[in-house]
C-alpha atoms as a PDB file:
ATOM      1  CA  LEU A   1       0.000   0.000   0.000  1.00  0.00           C
ATOM      2  CA  GLN A   2       1.332   3.414  -0.915  1.00  0.00           C
ATOM      3  CA  SER A   3       0.571   6.632   0.944  1.00  0.00           C
ATOM      4  CA  ASN A   4      -0.172   8.416  -2.337  1.00  0.00           C
ATOM      5  CA  ASP A   5      -2.938   6.003  -3.329  1.00  0.00           C
ATOM      6  CA  PRO A   6      -6.178   7.877  -4.025  1.00  0.00           C
ATOM      7  CA  ALA A   7      -8.378   5.825  -1.668  1.00  0.00           C
ATOM      8  CA  PRO A   8      -8.094   5.784   2.152  1.00  0.00           C
ATOM      9  CA  TRP A   9      -6.517   2.772   3.785  1.00  0.00           C
ATOM     10  CA  CYS A  10      -5.647   1.684   7.309  1.00  0.00           C
ATOM     11  CA  VAL A  11      -3.898  -1.089   9.248  1.00  0.00           C
ATOM     12  CA  VAL A  12      -5.245  -2.491  12.531  1.00  0.00           C
ATOM     13  CA  ALA A  13      -3.500  -4.924  14.898  1.00  0.00           C
ATOM     14  CA  HIS A  14      -5.643  -7.461  16.738  1.00  0.00           C
ATOM     15  CA  VAL A  15      -4.230  -8.701  20.046  1.00  0.00           C
ATOM     16  CA  ARG A  16      -5.607 -11.527  22.160  1.00  0.00           C
ATOM     17  CA  PHE A  17      -4.329 -12.898  25.466  1.00  0.00           C
ATOM     18  CA  ASP A  18      -4.931 -16.560  26.238  1.00  0.00           C
ATOM     19  CA  ASP A  19      -8.439 -17.344  24.931  1.00  0.00           C
ATOM     20  CA  GLY A  20      -9.916 -13.946  25.771  1.00  0.00           C
ATOM     21  CA  PRO A  21     -11.533 -11.493  23.372  1.00  0.00           C
ATOM     22  CA  ALA A  22      -9.389  -9.728  20.782  1.00  0.00           C
ATOM     23  CA  GLU A  23      -8.646  -6.033  21.176  1.00  0.00           C
ATOM     24  CA  GLU A  24      -8.127  -3.768  18.147  1.00  0.00           C
ATOM     25  CA  TYR A  25      -5.279  -1.254  17.899  1.00  0.00           C
ATOM     26  CA  PRO A  26      -5.108   1.075  14.899  1.00  0.00           C
ATOM     27  CA  LEU A  27      -1.530   1.364  13.607  1.00  0.00           C
ATOM     28  CA  VAL A  28      -1.647   3.409  10.396  1.00  0.00           C
ATOM     29  CA  ALA A  29      -4.308   5.324   8.526  1.00  0.00           C
ATOM     30  CA  VAL A  30      -4.088   7.278   5.289  1.00  0.00           C
ATOM     31  CA  VAL A  31      -6.818   9.774   4.571  1.00  0.00           C
ATOM     32  CA  SER A  32      -7.082  11.246   1.090  1.00  0.00           C
ATOM     33  CA  GLY A  33      -6.927  15.006   0.818  1.00  0.00           C
ATOM     34  CA  GLN A  34      -5.531  15.635   4.298  1.00  0.00           C
ATOM     35  CA  ALA A  35      -2.003  16.705   5.157  1.00  0.00           C
ATOM     36  CA  PRO A  36       0.173  14.953   6.088  1.00  0.00           C
ATOM     37  CA  GLY A  37      -2.145  12.173   4.901  1.00  0.00           C
ATOM     38  CA  VAL A  38      -0.483   9.359   6.861  1.00  0.00           C
ATOM     39  CA  VAL A  39      -1.483   9.079  10.503  1.00  0.00           C
ATOM     40  CA  SER A  40       0.442   6.511  12.535  1.00  0.00           C
ATOM     41  CA  PHE A  41      -0.321   5.329  16.044  1.00  0.00           C
ATOM     42  CA  VAL A  42       1.864   3.784  18.733  1.00  0.00           C
ATOM     43  CA  PRO A  43      -0.594   1.849  20.885  1.00  0.00           C
ATOM     44  CA  THR A  44       0.013   0.853  24.482  1.00  0.00           C
ATOM     45  CA  VAL A  45      -0.943  -2.755  25.077  1.00  0.00           C
ATOM     46  CA  VAL A  46      -1.513  -3.770  28.694  1.00  0.00           C
ATOM     47  CA  ILE A  47      -0.658  -7.401  29.366  1.00  0.00           C
ATOM     48  CA  PRO A  48      -3.038  -8.961  31.908  1.00  0.00           C
ATOM     49  CA  ALA A  49      -1.213 -10.158  35.030  1.00  0.00           C
ATOM     50  CA  GLN A  50      -2.149 -13.828  34.595  1.00  0.00           C
ATOM     51  CA  ALA A  51      -1.743 -13.994  30.796  1.00  0.00           C
ATOM     52  CA  ARG A  52       0.412 -16.826  29.463  1.00  0.00           C
ATOM     53  CA  THR A  53      -0.014 -16.464  25.688  1.00  0.00           C
ATOM     54  CA  MET A  54      -0.481 -13.595  23.263  1.00  0.00           C
ATOM     55  CA  SER A  55      -1.720 -13.827  19.680  1.00  0.00           C
ATOM     56  CA  ILE A  56      -1.433 -11.019  17.134  1.00  0.00           C
ATOM     57  CA  TRP A  57      -2.789 -10.645  13.613  1.00  0.00           C
ATOM     58  CA  PHE A  58      -3.165  -7.669  11.326  1.00  0.00           C
ATOM     59  CA  LEU A  59      -5.928  -6.410   9.079  1.00  0.00           C
ATOM     60  CA  ALA A  60      -5.537  -3.801   6.355  1.00  0.00           C
ATOM     61  CA  PHE A  61      -8.446  -2.060   4.662  1.00  0.00           C
ATOM     62  CA  TYR A  62      -7.957  -0.642   1.181  1.00  0.00           C
ATOM     63  CA  ASN A  63     -10.407   0.326  -1.531  1.00  0.00           C
ATOM     64  CA  SER A  64     -13.360  -1.425   0.175  1.00  0.00           C
ATOM     65  CA  GLN A  65     -11.336  -4.636   0.537  1.00  0.00           C
ATOM     66  CA  SER A  66      -9.788  -6.219   3.621  1.00  0.00           C
ATOM     67  CA  TYR A  67      -6.454  -8.036   3.760  1.00  0.00           C
ATOM     68  CA  PHE A  68      -5.250 -10.212   6.646  1.00  0.00           C
ATOM     69  CA  ASP A  69      -1.693 -10.911   7.736  1.00  0.00           C
ATOM     70  CA  SER A  70      -2.323 -13.759  10.133  1.00  0.00           C
ATOM     71  CA  ASN A  71       0.537 -16.193   9.448  1.00  0.00           C
ATOM     72  CA  PHE A  72      -1.791 -18.046   7.071  1.00  0.00           C
ATOM     73  CA  GLY A  73      -4.602 -18.214   9.635  1.00  0.00           C
ATOM     74  CA  MET A  74      -2.374 -19.380  12.484  1.00  0.00           C
ATOM     75  CA  ASN A  75      -1.746 -15.869  13.889  1.00  0.00           C
ATOM     76  CA  PHE A  76       1.557 -14.800  15.420  1.00  0.00           C
ATOM     77  CA  ASN A  77       1.721 -16.492  18.826  1.00  0.00           C
ATOM     78  CA  PHE A  78       3.996 -15.737  21.768  1.00  0.00           C
ATOM     79  CA  GLU A  79       4.504 -17.273  25.184  1.00  0.00           C
ATOM     80  CA  ILE A  80       4.541 -14.834  28.123  1.00  0.00           C
ATOM     81  CA  ALA A  81       7.050 -15.645  30.839  1.00  0.00           C
ATOM     82  CA  ALA A  82       5.712 -16.054  34.378  1.00  0.00           C
ATOM     83  CA  ASP A  83       6.926 -13.604  37.039  1.00  0.00           C
END
């Protein structure tokens, strides 16, 4: 995706701990006709105290289409070390 594309686009990270609900974090948005046009976000993700696993996948929206980066449906999975 290029920032000079005529249609708006955005990228959202989805984060889930253990088997809980996924939370959405916007990462980048491009809005046509606005300066600077590219709006990036640096989200703060709070890890629950008892969490042992974290899964992340990404979703991009462009030109009324959605595109997943989810490690081919397996998501990106991480173990969280115990205290």
